[in-house]
Structures are given as C-alpha cells and as structure tokens.
Amino acid sequence: MGKENNRLDDVKGVDRPPREPDNLSEETIQDTEKELQVRLERTEIQAKENYDRLLRVSADFENYKKRMNRESESFKKYANESLIRELLPVVDNLERAFDSASLNQEASQSLVKGVHLTISEIQNIFKRFSVKPISSVNKPFDPAFHQAVIQEETDAVDENMVIKELQKGYLIHDRLLRPAMVVVSKSPANQNKDNE
C-alpha cells in the first residue's frame, strides 16, 4: 500500500496539499500557509479569467443569435422577390390591355371588366407581400427609383420632374424591386438661351 501512495504522489499536474508531518515547526507552518495563499491567489485569478472568458463567449453567442435572427427575418421578408419580379410583366401587360380596351369603344365590356378584376387580384396579392408601386408622376426625378427613358422639353413644370410614367416601378418592403421607366422634363432650348 505504501508503494501505491508513492505512485499517486508522482502523478504530475495534480495539486495536493502538503503532507503534514507529525512535528511541524513554526517556520514550516508559515511556509505552508504562504504556499497555500499563493495557490489560492492563483486559483482565484484563474477562476476570474475563466469567468471573464465565459462572459465573453456568452455575449458572442447572444450577438450571434441576434445576427442570425436578423438574417432570418431579412430572408423571410424578401424570399418572394424573384416570384414577384416574374409577375410584374404580367401585370404590365394586363394594365396595357385594360387601358387599350378602355379606349376602344367597340371593346367588349366583359373583357374590360375581366382584365380589371385580374389586375385587382394581383395587386391585392402584391399588398399581402408588401409590394407597392412607386409614385412617380409629378415628382422630382430620382435615379434611385426612376429610369429616365426620354427627356421632354416643357415649360409647364420645373426641370427634372417626372411628367409621364411608361412602366411602373415597384418596391418590396423598402427594397427596390424594379425602377419606374419615366419621361423627365427639361427646359425648352429657347428658354435656356434666354437665361444666358
């Protein structure tokens, strides 16, 4: 049994309290107390470092969870974007058909009514998915939302105003889905010469 105790004493990395011999001198007791105090201080420092590390890891994990939630919400918010983008030309064609049929007196009223109902249904679907048209006419030209196709000289409105919308632009939530194709006003050539 004595040999087994010696083997345990030889195991490295295991802190054991010092053995207490039967006859301890005052100096030995003080040395032992100092050694224990040093060990205690080291252990307290290590415990504090571990606690600080735990706090940092916990904070990092919380930040990670928040970031993943934001990314997940963003993904959900814009997941239908490509589907909606594919539907936009269909809506454009239906609106053109409706406009054309409305102007033609000979057009069947049922065709006009049917196209109008179809457009309304699609627009309701768009609303449910937070897709909304960009209001362009009589607004200042904004390259973030408008694509200028034509510039038209006019003195009826200020320069760089949208005077006609050729194709509606759309937003999904706050993101541009498609810019509006517009006609933008510019000052007549005569007026520019007069100002110089």
Foldseek 3Di string as FASTA:
>chain_A
DVVVVVVVVPDPPDDDQDDDDPDDDPVNVVVSVVVVVVVVVVVVVVVVVVVVVVVVVVVVVVVVVVVVVVVVVVCVLCVCLVVVLVCQVVLVVLVVVLVVQVVDPPRDPVSNVVSVVVNVVVVVVCVVSQKDWDDAAQAADDVQAEDEDEEDADPPDAFRGFHAWPGIWMDGNNHTSGHTYTYTYDHDPVVVVVVD
